[in-house]
N, C-alpha and C. Protein backbone atom coordinates (compact mmCIF):
# COMPACT_ATOMS: atom_id res chain seq x y z
N MET A 1 6.06 -15.06 -52.33
CA MET A 1 7.38 -14.51 -51.74
C MET A 1 7.07 -13.98 -50.54
N LYS A 2 6.32 -12.60 -51.27
CA LYS A 2 5.17 -10.77 -50.52
C LYS A 2 4.96 -11.97 -49.25
N ASN A 3 3.72 -12.46 -49.55
CA ASN A 3 2.51 -12.62 -48.38
C ASN A 3 3.48 -13.60 -47.78
N SER A 4 4.44 -14.86 -47.95
CA SER A 4 5.22 -15.92 -47.05
C SER A 4 5.97 -14.13 -45.45
N VAL A 5 6.88 -13.92 -46.20
CA VAL A 5 6.94 -12.74 -45.34
C VAL A 5 6.05 -11.95 -44.35
N ILE A 6 5.30 -11.88 -45.06
CA ILE A 6 3.89 -11.11 -44.38
C ILE A 6 3.55 -12.00 -43.28
N LEU A 7 3.01 -13.10 -43.67
CA LEU A 7 2.60 -13.99 -42.48
C LEU A 7 3.69 -14.51 -41.76
N ALA A 8 4.25 -14.30 -41.54
CA ALA A 8 5.64 -14.95 -41.37
C ALA A 8 5.93 -13.45 -39.85
N LEU A 9 5.70 -12.08 -40.49
CA LEU A 9 5.45 -11.29 -39.76
C LEU A 9 4.59 -11.18 -38.14
N MET A 10 3.57 -11.89 -39.38
CA MET A 10 2.16 -11.64 -38.71
C MET A 10 1.84 -12.78 -37.28
N ALA A 11 2.70 -13.88 -37.77
CA ALA A 11 3.14 -14.63 -36.79
C ALA A 11 3.84 -14.44 -35.11
N SER A 12 5.23 -14.31 -35.92
CA SER A 12 5.85 -13.36 -34.85
C SER A 12 5.21 -12.61 -33.78
N VAL A 13 4.29 -11.51 -34.64
CA VAL A 13 3.43 -10.41 -33.60
C VAL A 13 2.31 -11.25 -32.51
N CYS A 14 1.44 -12.65 -33.24
CA CYS A 14 1.10 -12.46 -32.21
C CYS A 14 1.31 -13.34 -31.37
N ILE A 15 2.33 -14.26 -31.63
CA ILE A 15 3.05 -15.25 -30.78
C ILE A 15 4.24 -14.12 -28.97
N SER A 16 4.64 -12.92 -30.03
CA SER A 16 5.26 -12.17 -28.93
C SER A 16 3.77 -11.23 -28.72
N CYS A 17 3.01 -11.49 -28.96
CA CYS A 17 0.88 -10.65 -27.72
C CYS A 17 0.39 -11.50 -26.93
N GLY A 18 1.52 -12.88 -27.18
CA GLY A 18 1.01 -13.91 -26.42
C GLY A 18 1.56 -14.50 -25.19
N ALA A 19 2.61 -13.64 -24.99
CA ALA A 19 3.87 -13.49 -23.45
C ALA A 19 3.45 -13.14 -22.91
N GLN A 20 3.13 -14.09 -21.50
CA GLN A 20 2.67 -13.28 -20.31
C GLN A 20 3.50 -12.74 -19.34
N ASP A 21 4.39 -11.52 -19.46
CA ASP A 21 4.87 -10.97 -18.56
C ASP A 21 3.98 -11.69 -17.28
N ILE A 22 4.92 -11.46 -16.04
CA ILE A 22 4.94 -11.60 -14.65
C ILE A 22 5.28 -10.53 -13.68
N THR A 23 4.54 -9.21 -13.48
CA THR A 23 5.05 -7.99 -12.61
C THR A 23 5.10 -8.78 -11.06
N LEU A 24 5.55 -8.77 -10.36
CA LEU A 24 5.72 -9.28 -9.62
C LEU A 24 5.67 -8.51 -8.42
N PRO A 25 5.11 -8.57 -6.56
CA PRO A 25 5.16 -6.69 -6.00
C PRO A 25 6.43 -6.67 -5.40
N GLN A 26 6.85 -5.93 -5.31
CA GLN A 26 7.59 -5.34 -3.95
C GLN A 26 8.45 -6.40 -3.04
N PRO A 27 9.46 -6.50 -3.53
CA PRO A 27 10.22 -8.12 -2.96
C PRO A 27 9.81 -7.62 -0.91
N GLN A 28 9.92 -8.27 0.29
CA GLN A 28 10.15 -8.15 1.68
C GLN A 28 11.59 -8.31 1.60
N LYS A 29 11.92 -6.68 1.94
CA LYS A 29 13.54 -7.64 3.04
C LYS A 29 13.37 -7.29 4.17
N THR A 30 12.28 -7.28 4.89
CA THR A 30 13.00 -7.18 6.06
C THR A 30 11.84 -8.24 6.96
N GLY A 31 12.26 -9.15 7.89
CA GLY A 31 11.98 -10.48 8.52
C GLY A 31 13.20 -11.77 8.29
N GLY A 32 12.80 -12.99 7.76
CA GLY A 32 13.04 -14.17 8.10
C GLY A 32 14.09 -14.78 8.97
N LYS A 33 14.98 -15.79 8.87
CA LYS A 33 15.48 -16.15 9.89
C LYS A 33 17.00 -15.13 10.10
N PRO A 34 17.40 -14.85 11.40
CA PRO A 34 18.68 -14.51 12.04
C PRO A 34 19.90 -14.99 10.76
N LEU A 35 20.51 -14.53 10.46
CA LEU A 35 21.85 -14.86 9.39
C LEU A 35 22.69 -16.89 9.92
N MET A 36 22.80 -16.73 11.36
CA MET A 36 22.81 -17.35 11.77
C MET A 36 21.99 -18.51 11.81
N GLU A 37 20.86 -18.79 11.84
CA GLU A 37 20.16 -19.75 12.28
C GLU A 37 20.02 -19.89 10.53
N ALA A 38 19.90 -18.68 9.64
CA ALA A 38 20.17 -19.74 8.03
C ALA A 38 20.89 -20.66 8.01
N LEU A 39 22.03 -20.11 8.26
CA LEU A 39 23.62 -20.85 8.26
C LEU A 39 23.67 -22.27 8.35
N SER A 40 22.38 -22.44 9.63
CA SER A 40 22.73 -23.44 10.57
C SER A 40 21.18 -24.36 9.54
N ASP A 41 20.51 -23.61 8.73
CA ASP A 41 20.04 -24.43 8.68
C ASP A 41 19.91 -24.99 6.52
N ARG A 42 20.87 -24.81 6.38
CA ARG A 42 21.06 -24.85 4.87
C ARG A 42 21.57 -25.87 4.87
N GLN A 43 20.65 -26.17 4.11
CA GLN A 43 21.47 -27.67 3.31
C GLN A 43 20.69 -27.86 2.18
N THR A 44 21.04 -29.18 1.31
CA THR A 44 20.72 -29.64 0.26
C THR A 44 19.29 -30.72 0.06
N ILE A 45 17.96 -30.38 -0.87
CA ILE A 45 16.80 -31.52 -0.36
C ILE A 45 16.66 -31.69 -2.01
N ARG A 46 16.80 -33.11 -2.29
CA ARG A 46 16.25 -33.50 -3.49
C ARG A 46 15.26 -34.31 -3.76
N GLU A 47 14.03 -34.27 -2.54
CA GLU A 47 12.31 -34.56 -2.90
C GLU A 47 11.52 -33.43 -2.58
N PHE A 48 10.43 -32.72 -3.03
CA PHE A 48 9.76 -31.53 -3.14
C PHE A 48 8.59 -32.12 -3.75
N SER A 49 7.54 -31.28 -3.34
CA SER A 49 5.93 -30.82 -3.39
C SER A 49 6.39 -30.42 -4.62
N ASP A 50 4.70 -30.46 -5.54
CA ASP A 50 4.63 -29.73 -6.60
C ASP A 50 3.92 -28.08 -5.88
N LYS A 51 3.61 -28.07 -4.75
CA LYS A 51 3.12 -26.93 -4.19
C LYS A 51 3.46 -25.49 -5.06
N ASP A 52 3.06 -24.90 -6.00
CA ASP A 52 3.92 -23.83 -6.50
C ASP A 52 3.70 -22.56 -5.46
N LEU A 53 4.97 -21.88 -5.91
CA LEU A 53 5.31 -20.27 -5.00
C LEU A 53 4.76 -19.73 -5.48
N ASP A 54 4.01 -18.94 -4.51
CA ASP A 54 3.46 -17.41 -4.49
C ASP A 54 3.84 -16.44 -4.94
N GLU A 55 3.51 -15.36 -6.18
CA GLU A 55 4.06 -14.16 -6.38
C GLU A 55 4.99 -13.75 -4.97
N GLN A 56 4.46 -13.17 -4.34
CA GLN A 56 5.40 -12.85 -2.32
C GLN A 56 6.86 -13.18 -2.97
N THR A 57 6.52 -14.94 -2.51
CA THR A 57 7.47 -15.48 -2.66
C THR A 57 9.01 -15.47 -3.75
N LEU A 58 8.32 -15.64 -4.84
CA LEU A 58 9.24 -15.83 -5.75
C LEU A 58 10.06 -14.15 -6.11
N SER A 59 9.59 -13.80 -5.25
CA SER A 59 10.09 -12.08 -5.95
C SER A 59 11.00 -11.89 -4.68
N ASN A 60 10.77 -12.41 -3.18
CA ASN A 60 12.11 -12.25 -2.36
C ASN A 60 12.42 -12.99 -2.90
N LEU A 61 12.89 -14.15 -3.69
CA LEU A 61 13.62 -15.11 -3.78
C LEU A 61 14.17 -14.61 -4.39
N LEU A 62 14.07 -15.00 -5.57
CA LEU A 62 14.62 -13.20 -7.48
C LEU A 62 15.86 -12.80 -6.65
N TRP A 63 15.05 -11.63 -5.86
CA TRP A 63 15.44 -10.33 -5.49
C TRP A 63 16.47 -11.25 -4.35
N ALA A 64 16.76 -11.69 -3.53
CA ALA A 64 17.35 -12.37 -2.67
C ALA A 64 18.52 -12.52 -3.98
N ALA A 65 18.54 -13.46 -4.81
CA ALA A 65 19.70 -14.04 -5.70
C ALA A 65 20.18 -12.87 -6.37
N TYR A 66 19.83 -12.56 -6.81
CA TYR A 66 20.38 -11.16 -7.97
C TYR A 66 19.33 -10.06 -7.91
N GLY A 67 19.28 -10.13 -6.71
CA GLY A 67 18.43 -8.55 -6.89
C GLY A 67 18.78 -6.75 -7.10
N PHE A 68 18.48 -5.92 -7.00
CA PHE A 68 19.29 -4.90 -6.65
C PHE A 68 18.94 -4.19 -5.06
N ASN A 69 20.43 -3.65 -4.20
CA ASN A 69 20.02 -3.45 -3.54
C ASN A 69 21.12 -1.69 -3.38
N ARG A 70 20.71 -1.73 -4.14
CA ARG A 70 22.09 -0.16 -4.26
C ARG A 70 21.05 0.27 -6.11
N GLU A 71 21.29 1.33 -5.95
CA GLU A 71 20.83 1.80 -7.29
C GLU A 71 21.77 1.23 -8.76
N ASP A 72 23.37 0.90 -8.46
CA ASP A 72 23.54 -0.35 -9.73
C ASP A 72 24.16 -1.15 -8.98
N LYS A 73 23.52 -1.22 -7.62
CA LYS A 73 24.95 -2.84 -7.48
C LYS A 73 23.70 -3.94 -7.21
N ARG A 74 24.03 -5.86 -7.07
CA ARG A 74 23.16 -6.09 -6.49
C ARG A 74 23.32 -6.90 -5.00
N THR A 75 22.73 -7.92 -4.95
CA THR A 75 22.63 -8.77 -3.62
C THR A 75 23.81 -10.02 -4.16
N ALA A 76 23.76 -9.79 -4.58
CA ALA A 76 25.49 -10.85 -5.38
C ALA A 76 26.54 -10.27 -5.19
N PRO A 77 28.01 -10.59 -5.27
CA PRO A 77 29.09 -9.73 -6.25
C PRO A 77 29.23 -10.04 -7.29
N SER A 78 30.24 -9.14 -8.70
CA SER A 78 30.42 -9.64 -9.79
C SER A 78 31.64 -8.70 -9.43
N ALA A 79 32.36 -9.54 -10.25
CA ALA A 79 33.82 -9.21 -11.02
C ALA A 79 34.47 -8.02 -11.38
N ASN A 80 34.96 -7.35 -10.75
CA ASN A 80 34.75 -5.92 -11.83
C ASN A 80 33.53 -5.13 -12.04
N ASN A 81 32.06 -6.12 -11.46
CA ASN A 81 31.19 -5.33 -11.79
C ASN A 81 30.41 -5.59 -13.23
N ARG A 82 30.98 -6.29 -13.64
CA ARG A 82 30.70 -6.92 -15.20
C ARG A 82 29.01 -7.07 -14.70
N GLN A 83 28.37 -8.08 -13.84
CA GLN A 83 26.77 -8.86 -14.18
C GLN A 83 26.67 -8.64 -15.17
N ASP A 84 27.45 -10.16 -15.53
CA ASP A 84 27.76 -11.16 -16.40
C ASP A 84 26.29 -12.00 -16.43
N LEU A 85 25.43 -12.65 -15.31
CA LEU A 85 24.91 -13.39 -15.38
C LEU A 85 24.07 -13.42 -15.98
N ILE A 86 22.53 -13.97 -16.37
CA ILE A 86 21.47 -13.69 -16.51
C ILE A 86 20.64 -14.89 -16.01
N LEU A 87 19.90 -13.98 -15.35
CA LEU A 87 19.23 -15.22 -14.68
C LEU A 87 17.79 -15.89 -15.34
N TYR A 88 17.75 -16.90 -15.39
CA TYR A 88 15.82 -17.48 -16.55
C TYR A 88 15.60 -18.05 -15.56
N VAL A 89 14.18 -18.64 -15.33
CA VAL A 89 13.96 -18.13 -14.37
C VAL A 89 12.45 -19.76 -15.17
N VAL A 90 12.55 -20.79 -14.87
CA VAL A 90 11.94 -21.63 -15.12
C VAL A 90 10.53 -22.19 -14.32
N LEU A 91 9.28 -21.60 -14.48
CA LEU A 91 8.04 -22.27 -13.75
C LEU A 91 7.34 -23.22 -15.11
N LYS A 92 6.07 -23.75 -14.31
CA LYS A 92 5.17 -24.90 -14.70
C LYS A 92 4.42 -24.09 -16.84
N SER A 93 4.34 -21.94 -16.33
CA SER A 93 3.99 -21.73 -17.21
C SER A 93 4.38 -21.12 -18.05
N GLY A 94 6.16 -21.29 -17.70
CA GLY A 94 7.07 -21.04 -19.02
C GLY A 94 8.44 -20.84 -18.78
N VAL A 95 9.64 -20.48 -19.77
CA VAL A 95 10.31 -19.64 -19.36
C VAL A 95 10.84 -18.50 -19.18
N TYR A 96 11.27 -17.89 -18.55
CA TYR A 96 11.49 -16.27 -18.59
C TYR A 96 12.43 -16.08 -17.71
N VAL A 97 13.18 -14.73 -18.13
CA VAL A 97 13.80 -14.01 -17.63
C VAL A 97 13.42 -12.84 -17.09
N TYR A 98 14.92 -12.64 -15.99
CA TYR A 98 14.17 -12.03 -14.46
C TYR A 98 14.80 -10.58 -14.36
N ASP A 99 13.97 -9.68 -14.41
CA ASP A 99 14.18 -7.94 -15.15
C ASP A 99 14.95 -7.84 -13.33
N ALA A 100 15.58 -7.70 -13.19
CA ALA A 100 15.57 -7.12 -11.52
C ALA A 100 15.63 -5.77 -11.21
N LYS A 101 15.77 -5.08 -12.33
CA LYS A 101 15.58 -3.34 -11.80
C LYS A 101 13.88 -3.22 -12.26
N GLU A 102 12.53 -3.81 -13.15
CA GLU A 102 12.18 -3.83 -13.01
C GLU A 102 10.85 -4.25 -11.49
N ASN A 103 11.17 -5.57 -11.32
CA ASN A 103 11.57 -6.38 -10.48
C ASN A 103 9.63 -7.63 -10.94
N ARG A 104 9.94 -8.26 -12.76
CA ARG A 104 9.45 -9.00 -13.12
C ARG A 104 10.45 -9.85 -14.02
N LEU A 105 9.33 -10.62 -14.31
CA LEU A 105 9.27 -11.73 -15.20
C LEU A 105 8.90 -11.53 -16.74
N ILE A 106 10.01 -10.92 -17.66
CA ILE A 106 9.15 -11.34 -18.62
C ILE A 106 9.73 -12.86 -19.64
N GLN A 107 8.38 -13.54 -19.97
CA GLN A 107 8.01 -14.40 -20.86
C GLN A 107 8.80 -14.30 -22.44
N LYS A 108 9.54 -15.98 -22.33
CA LYS A 108 10.46 -15.71 -23.52
C LYS A 108 9.82 -17.00 -23.64
N VAL A 109 9.87 -18.21 -24.11
CA VAL A 109 9.04 -19.09 -24.48
C VAL A 109 7.77 -20.16 -22.70
N LYS A 110 6.41 -19.98 -23.80
CA LYS A 110 5.31 -20.62 -23.44
C LYS A 110 5.44 -22.09 -22.89
N GLY A 111 5.36 -22.55 -21.46
CA GLY A 111 4.68 -24.00 -22.05
C GLY A 111 5.77 -24.94 -20.87
N ASP A 112 6.16 -25.98 -20.44
CA ASP A 112 6.07 -26.50 -19.33
C ASP A 112 7.64 -26.71 -19.46
N PHE A 113 8.96 -26.37 -19.39
CA PHE A 113 10.31 -27.48 -19.83
C PHE A 113 10.63 -27.46 -18.29
N ARG A 114 10.09 -27.33 -17.32
CA ARG A 114 11.45 -27.81 -16.14
C ARG A 114 11.41 -29.12 -16.79
N SER A 115 11.15 -30.09 -17.22
CA SER A 115 12.30 -31.37 -17.59
C SER A 115 13.26 -31.51 -18.09
N LYS A 116 13.32 -30.13 -18.75
CA LYS A 116 14.40 -29.97 -19.89
C LYS A 116 15.52 -29.57 -18.72
N THR A 117 15.69 -29.17 -17.22
CA THR A 117 16.63 -28.32 -16.84
C THR A 117 17.61 -29.22 -16.00
N GLY A 118 17.52 -30.52 -16.54
CA GLY A 118 17.80 -31.55 -15.49
C GLY A 118 17.53 -32.98 -16.05
N LYS A 119 18.39 -33.71 -15.32
CA LYS A 119 18.28 -35.77 -15.61
C LYS A 119 18.02 -35.70 -14.62
N GLN A 120 17.70 -34.87 -13.62
CA GLN A 120 17.03 -35.65 -12.14
C GLN A 120 14.87 -36.04 -12.61
N GLU A 121 14.59 -36.95 -11.89
CA GLU A 121 12.89 -36.67 -12.03
C GLU A 121 12.76 -35.48 -11.41
N PHE A 122 13.04 -35.12 -9.60
CA PHE A 122 13.05 -34.22 -9.15
C PHE A 122 12.63 -32.71 -9.76
N VAL A 123 12.83 -32.41 -10.91
CA VAL A 123 13.31 -30.99 -11.82
C VAL A 123 12.11 -30.59 -12.55
N SER A 124 10.74 -32.03 -12.22
CA SER A 124 9.90 -32.14 -13.10
C SER A 124 8.89 -31.91 -12.45
N VAL A 125 8.86 -31.90 -11.28
CA VAL A 125 7.60 -31.84 -10.07
C VAL A 125 7.81 -30.77 -9.66
N ALA A 126 9.38 -29.40 -9.08
CA ALA A 126 9.42 -29.30 -8.16
C ALA A 126 9.10 -28.23 -8.78
N PRO A 127 8.31 -27.05 -8.35
CA PRO A 127 7.84 -25.98 -9.24
C PRO A 127 9.00 -24.77 -9.54
N LEU A 128 9.73 -24.96 -9.66
CA LEU A 128 10.19 -23.72 -10.12
C LEU A 128 12.29 -24.30 -10.28
N ASN A 129 13.20 -24.21 -11.70
CA ASN A 129 13.99 -24.30 -11.54
C ASN A 129 14.43 -23.07 -12.33
N LEU A 130 15.77 -23.28 -11.77
CA LEU A 130 16.88 -21.81 -11.22
C LEU A 130 17.55 -21.81 -13.26
N VAL A 131 18.15 -21.36 -13.95
CA VAL A 131 19.34 -21.70 -15.10
C VAL A 131 19.72 -20.65 -14.77
N TYR A 132 21.09 -20.30 -14.50
CA TYR A 132 22.68 -19.42 -13.66
C TYR A 132 23.07 -19.37 -15.74
N VAL A 133 23.28 -18.38 -16.70
CA VAL A 133 23.45 -18.53 -18.04
C VAL A 133 24.41 -16.91 -18.16
N VAL A 134 25.37 -17.10 -18.66
CA VAL A 134 26.53 -16.08 -18.27
C VAL A 134 26.79 -15.41 -20.40
N ASP A 135 26.38 -14.31 -19.89
CA ASP A 135 26.66 -13.28 -20.97
C ASP A 135 27.71 -13.57 -21.76
N LEU A 136 28.47 -13.87 -22.75
CA LEU A 136 29.28 -14.05 -23.26
C LEU A 136 29.72 -12.69 -23.98
N THR A 137 28.93 -11.71 -24.08
CA THR A 137 29.57 -10.37 -24.72
C THR A 137 30.34 -9.91 -23.35
N LYS A 138 30.35 -10.08 -21.98
CA LYS A 138 30.28 -9.60 -20.53
C LYS A 138 31.25 -10.21 -19.67
N ASN A 139 31.41 -11.91 -19.55
CA ASN A 139 32.53 -12.40 -19.47
C ASN A 139 32.77 -13.78 -20.14
N SER A 140 33.54 -14.73 -19.72
CA SER A 140 33.66 -16.39 -20.08
C SER A 140 32.56 -16.72 -19.19
N ALA A 141 32.46 -17.99 -19.66
CA ALA A 141 31.68 -19.39 -18.15
C ALA A 141 32.72 -19.39 -17.81
N GLU A 142 33.53 -19.58 -17.25
CA GLU A 142 34.65 -20.01 -16.50
C GLU A 142 34.90 -19.35 -15.70
N GLY A 143 34.89 -17.81 -16.00
CA GLY A 143 35.31 -16.08 -15.29
C GLY A 143 33.69 -15.89 -14.55
N ALA A 144 33.10 -16.61 -14.76
CA ALA A 144 31.57 -15.78 -14.09
C ALA A 144 31.31 -16.97 -13.59
N ALA A 145 31.67 -18.07 -13.07
CA ALA A 145 31.50 -19.67 -12.25
C ALA A 145 31.17 -19.30 -10.94
N ILE A 146 32.32 -18.48 -9.94
CA ILE A 146 32.67 -17.81 -8.85
C ILE A 146 31.70 -17.13 -8.65
N ASN A 147 30.31 -16.35 -9.40
CA ASN A 147 29.41 -14.83 -9.37
C ASN A 147 28.69 -16.05 -9.83
N VAL A 148 28.36 -17.33 -10.64
CA VAL A 148 26.53 -17.74 -10.57
C VAL A 148 26.96 -18.80 -8.62
N GLY A 149 28.08 -18.81 -8.46
CA GLY A 149 28.36 -19.52 -6.80
C GLY A 149 27.74 -18.84 -5.17
N PHE A 150 28.22 -16.88 -5.60
CA PHE A 150 27.57 -15.98 -5.19
C PHE A 150 25.97 -16.15 -4.83
N VAL A 151 25.56 -16.46 -6.43
CA VAL A 151 24.01 -16.25 -6.32
C VAL A 151 23.31 -17.07 -5.53
N SER A 152 23.68 -18.32 -6.76
CA SER A 152 22.92 -19.63 -5.77
C SER A 152 23.63 -20.17 -4.42
N GLN A 153 24.13 -19.78 -3.44
CA GLN A 153 24.46 -19.78 -2.31
C GLN A 153 23.42 -18.67 -1.63
N ASN A 154 23.07 -17.37 -1.89
CA ASN A 154 22.26 -16.66 -1.91
C ASN A 154 20.51 -16.92 -1.52
N VAL A 155 20.32 -17.93 -2.68
CA VAL A 155 19.25 -19.16 -2.88
C VAL A 155 19.75 -19.72 -1.98
N TYR A 156 20.23 -20.50 -1.33
CA TYR A 156 20.31 -21.76 -0.37
C TYR A 156 20.16 -20.77 0.71
N LEU A 157 20.53 -20.10 0.71
CA LEU A 157 20.52 -18.85 2.11
C LEU A 157 19.00 -18.26 2.59
N TYR A 158 18.25 -17.84 1.36
CA TYR A 158 16.79 -17.21 1.16
C TYR A 158 16.28 -18.29 1.89
N CYS A 159 16.57 -20.03 1.10
CA CYS A 159 15.13 -21.29 1.04
C CYS A 159 15.31 -21.00 2.80
N ALA A 160 16.86 -21.53 2.66
CA ALA A 160 17.14 -21.83 5.04
C ALA A 160 16.10 -20.67 5.47
N SER A 161 15.67 -19.83 5.61
CA SER A 161 15.05 -18.62 6.12
C SER A 161 14.18 -18.62 6.03
N ALA A 162 13.50 -19.07 4.67
CA ALA A 162 11.94 -19.26 4.13
C ALA A 162 10.79 -20.58 4.81
N GLY A 163 11.63 -21.77 5.27
CA GLY A 163 11.04 -22.72 5.13
C GLY A 163 11.22 -24.16 3.57
N LEU A 164 11.72 -23.36 2.93
CA LEU A 164 11.61 -23.87 1.23
C LEU A 164 12.99 -24.68 0.69
N GLY A 165 13.35 -25.73 0.40
CA GLY A 165 14.01 -26.60 -0.11
C GLY A 165 14.90 -26.65 -1.25
N THR A 166 16.24 -25.94 -1.73
CA THR A 166 16.58 -25.45 -2.85
C THR A 166 17.76 -26.88 -3.03
N VAL A 167 18.10 -27.14 -3.98
CA VAL A 167 19.86 -28.11 -4.36
C VAL A 167 20.32 -27.21 -5.93
N VAL A 168 21.36 -27.02 -6.17
CA VAL A 168 22.19 -26.50 -7.15
C VAL A 168 22.60 -27.30 -8.10
N ARG A 169 22.60 -28.30 -9.14
CA ARG A 169 22.89 -29.01 -10.05
C ARG A 169 23.45 -28.25 -11.06
N GLY A 170 24.46 -29.28 -11.56
CA GLY A 170 26.00 -28.59 -12.20
C GLY A 170 25.24 -30.24 -13.89
N PHE A 171 24.55 -31.39 -13.07
CA PHE A 171 23.92 -32.57 -14.17
C PHE A 171 22.38 -32.01 -15.01
N PHE A 172 23.26 -31.84 -15.95
CA PHE A 172 21.71 -31.41 -16.85
C PHE A 172 22.96 -31.51 -18.79
N ASP A 173 21.83 -31.37 -19.47
CA ASP A 173 22.41 -31.20 -21.13
C ASP A 173 22.70 -30.26 -21.56
N LYS A 174 23.31 -29.50 -21.62
CA LYS A 174 23.95 -28.14 -22.16
C LYS A 174 22.66 -27.31 -23.39
N GLU A 175 23.50 -28.69 -24.80
CA GLU A 175 22.84 -28.56 -25.71
C GLU A 175 21.12 -28.20 -25.05
N GLU A 176 20.45 -29.03 -24.57
CA GLU A 176 18.66 -29.04 -24.12
C GLU A 176 18.40 -27.92 -23.88
N VAL A 177 19.25 -27.57 -22.78
CA VAL A 177 18.81 -26.72 -21.37
C VAL A 177 18.95 -25.45 -22.55
N THR A 178 20.14 -25.27 -23.76
CA THR A 178 19.70 -23.86 -24.95
C THR A 178 18.89 -23.58 -25.48
N SER A 179 18.54 -25.31 -26.37
CA SER A 179 17.46 -25.13 -27.14
C SER A 179 15.49 -24.94 -26.28
N ALA A 180 15.50 -26.00 -25.50
CA ALA A 180 14.42 -24.81 -24.22
C ALA A 180 14.40 -23.53 -23.50
N LEU A 181 15.40 -23.41 -23.60
CA LEU A 181 14.93 -21.45 -22.86
C LEU A 181 15.73 -20.57 -24.53
N GLN A 182 16.11 -21.33 -25.20
CA GLN A 182 16.46 -20.47 -27.02
C GLN A 182 17.02 -19.39 -26.43
N LEU A 183 18.43 -19.93 -26.12
CA LEU A 183 19.26 -19.59 -25.49
C LEU A 183 20.12 -18.30 -26.81
N SER A 184 21.00 -17.12 -26.52
CA SER A 184 22.21 -17.08 -28.24
C SER A 184 22.87 -17.69 -28.21
N GLU A 185 23.75 -17.68 -29.49
CA GLU A 185 25.47 -17.88 -29.18
C GLU A 185 26.55 -17.18 -28.21
N GLN A 186 25.18 -16.61 -27.41
CA GLN A 186 26.85 -15.49 -26.51
C GLN A 186 25.44 -15.53 -25.49
N GLU A 187 25.11 -16.63 -24.86
CA GLU A 187 24.37 -17.43 -23.76
C GLU A 187 24.53 -18.40 -23.79
N VAL A 188 25.81 -18.67 -22.41
CA VAL A 188 26.10 -20.23 -22.08
C VAL A 188 25.14 -20.79 -19.91
N PRO A 189 24.49 -21.71 -20.46
CA PRO A 189 24.25 -22.00 -19.07
C PRO A 189 25.48 -22.68 -18.28
N VAL A 190 25.80 -22.34 -17.54
CA VAL A 190 26.94 -22.06 -16.10
C VAL A 190 26.65 -22.90 -15.68
N LEU A 191 25.14 -23.48 -13.90
CA LEU A 191 24.42 -24.21 -13.66
C LEU A 191 23.13 -23.92 -13.65
N THR A 192 22.33 -25.13 -12.76
CA THR A 192 20.56 -24.68 -12.04
C THR A 192 20.87 -24.89 -11.06
N GLN A 193 19.24 -24.60 -10.77
CA GLN A 193 18.97 -24.69 -9.33
C GLN A 193 17.58 -24.95 -9.16
N THR A 194 17.13 -25.74 -8.76
CA THR A 194 15.76 -26.12 -8.94
C THR A 194 15.80 -25.85 -6.77
N VAL A 195 14.28 -25.07 -6.83
CA VAL A 195 13.58 -24.75 -5.16
C VAL A 195 12.30 -24.81 -5.63
N GLY A 196 11.18 -25.22 -4.67
CA GLY A 196 9.97 -25.92 -3.95
C GLY A 196 10.35 -25.55 -2.64
N TYR A 197 9.03 -26.69 -2.23
CA TYR A 197 8.16 -26.71 -0.77
C TYR A 197 8.92 -28.54 -0.79
N LYS A 198 9.19 -28.73 0.83
CA LYS A 198 10.54 -29.66 0.96
C LYS A 198 8.89 -30.65 1.23
N LYS A 199 9.09 -31.82 0.21
CA LYS A 199 7.99 -33.22 0.41
C LYS A 199 7.97 -33.72 1.03
């Protein structure tokens, strides 16, 4: 019994040692299209290239989506400043949580789980799938829905400005996403969004 406990602890240490967090470059907060042009170009895309996003583009996108633009406030509003969303980033290399304060991706699961984030074929082709997860200790899933809408629209506008394609999706298997992302009982996936280069 004692040996099996020691082996289990060693295995968990090895798994955490193998995690590959990604420190992102500082987001570029200038440039891009003027707002009215970005609004004019905003559209939904459902056909994606498999070309990866470079780390600078990823950093800019995530900051635009849900980064901090002031000491304790974000680029998207949050009712009563609950900041109830957890932004999961699903890449070929694994499942990550966006740490906006440190501007990094914390790897939670290693491996390609993009296909688990939705029922459409393109989810496994596009380089990035975002999963908007509500922290139930801060809000209900229904209460957080409007906050998710703000963040997903930020992504749409960034994509329009940067020449990327995106589509927000409600068509996914909640249990499959919960399992793939190894969400806790207090974490509920509310919406997903695919991002990539247009095919």
